[in-house]
Amino acid sequence: MNFAWFDLIGSVGVATIILTYILLQTEKLKSESLAYSALNAIGAGLIVFSLVYSFNFSAFIVESLWVLISLYGIGKYFFKRN
């Protein structure tokens, strides 16, 4: 198995999502916070980016929806502030 540069980017995305979940469970982040949604969107976006080079349909669907749901959370955060 070769580990290409896009695999590294996807792995950073996975680490970001895992770290975000750990921060949520240890109550360092709130699920309503901008940081929570932004970190999830970034992590999933990095995974989607890596999937462009090594495509997996199921993973692409899950991660794309993860990005969209996170963007909804970001929009909700800013909508509630106004």
Protein backbone atom coordinates (compact mmCIF):
# COMPACT_ATOMS: atom_id res chain seq x y z
CA MET A 1 0.00 0.00 0.00
CA ASN A 2 1.30 3.42 -0.94
CA PHE A 3 0.72 6.40 1.30
CA ALA A 4 0.33 9.39 -1.02
CA TRP A 5 0.16 13.08 -0.15
CA PHE A 6 -3.64 13.04 -0.44
CA ASP A 7 -3.75 10.19 2.09
CA LEU A 8 -1.89 12.45 4.50
CA ILE A 9 -4.50 15.18 3.96
CA GLY A 10 -7.31 12.69 4.58
CA SER A 11 -5.57 11.44 7.71
CA VAL A 12 -5.33 15.00 9.03
CA GLY A 13 -9.08 15.25 8.40
CA VAL A 14 -9.72 12.05 10.35
CA ALA A 15 -7.53 13.29 13.22
CA THR A 16 -9.42 16.60 13.23
CA ILE A 17 -12.79 14.89 13.51
CA ILE A 18 -11.56 12.53 16.24
CA LEU A 19 -10.00 15.40 18.20
CA THR A 20 -13.23 17.39 17.85
CA TYR A 21 -15.24 14.47 19.20
CA ILE A 22 -12.84 14.03 22.12
CA LEU A 23 -13.15 17.75 22.92
CA LEU A 24 -16.94 17.43 22.82
CA GLN A 25 -16.99 14.41 25.13
CA THR A 26 -14.57 16.02 27.60
CA GLU A 27 -16.77 19.15 27.56
CA LYS A 28 -13.99 21.36 26.18
CA LEU A 29 -16.31 22.21 23.26
CA LYS A 30 -20.06 22.68 23.16
CA SER A 31 -22.00 21.22 20.24
CA GLU A 32 -23.57 24.65 19.66
CA SER A 33 -20.19 26.37 19.31
CA LEU A 34 -18.78 27.70 16.08
CA ALA A 35 -15.52 25.84 16.71
CA TYR A 36 -17.29 22.48 16.89
CA SER A 37 -19.06 22.91 13.55
CA ALA A 38 -16.02 24.49 11.89
CA LEU A 39 -13.65 21.71 12.99
CA ASN A 40 -16.10 19.07 11.78
CA ALA A 41 -16.50 20.82 8.43
CA ILE A 42 -12.72 21.16 8.02
CA GLY A 43 -12.07 17.55 8.97
CA ALA A 44 -14.76 16.16 6.68
CA GLY A 45 -13.68 18.52 3.89
CA LEU A 46 -10.13 17.21 4.09
CA ILE A 47 -11.40 13.65 3.88
CA VAL A 48 -13.59 14.52 0.87
CA PHE A 49 -10.57 16.12 -0.77
CA SER A 50 -8.54 12.93 -0.31
CA LEU A 51 -11.43 10.87 -1.70
CA VAL A 52 -11.25 12.79 -4.97
CA TYR A 53 -7.91 11.03 -5.57
CA SER A 54 -8.84 7.64 -4.17
CA PHE A 55 -12.61 7.44 -4.59
CA ASN A 56 -14.91 5.44 -2.33
CA PHE A 57 -18.59 6.16 -2.96
CA SER A 58 -19.90 5.33 0.53
CA ALA A 59 -17.20 7.35 2.30
CA PHE A 60 -17.75 10.23 -0.13
CA ILE A 61 -21.49 10.33 0.67
CA VAL A 62 -20.94 10.19 4.45
CA GLU A 63 -18.24 12.86 4.47
CA SER A 64 -20.08 15.14 2.03
CA LEU A 65 -23.15 15.02 4.26
CA TRP A 66 -20.91 15.65 7.29
CA VAL A 67 -19.64 18.82 5.59
CA LEU A 68 -23.18 19.97 4.71
CA ILE A 69 -24.51 19.32 8.22
CA SER A 70 -21.53 21.17 9.71
CA LEU A 71 -22.14 24.11 7.37
CA TYR A 72 -25.75 24.13 8.57
CA GLY A 73 -24.42 24.32 12.15
CA ILE A 74 -22.17 27.23 11.20
CA GLY A 75 -25.09 29.04 9.58
CA LYS A 76 -27.26 28.38 12.61
CA TYR A 77 -24.57 29.81 14.87
CA PHE A 78 -24.43 33.07 12.93
CA PHE A 79 -28.23 33.25 12.51
CA LYS A 80 -28.74 32.96 16.29
CA ARG A 81 -26.19 35.73 16.91
CA ASN A 82 -28.25 38.19 14.84
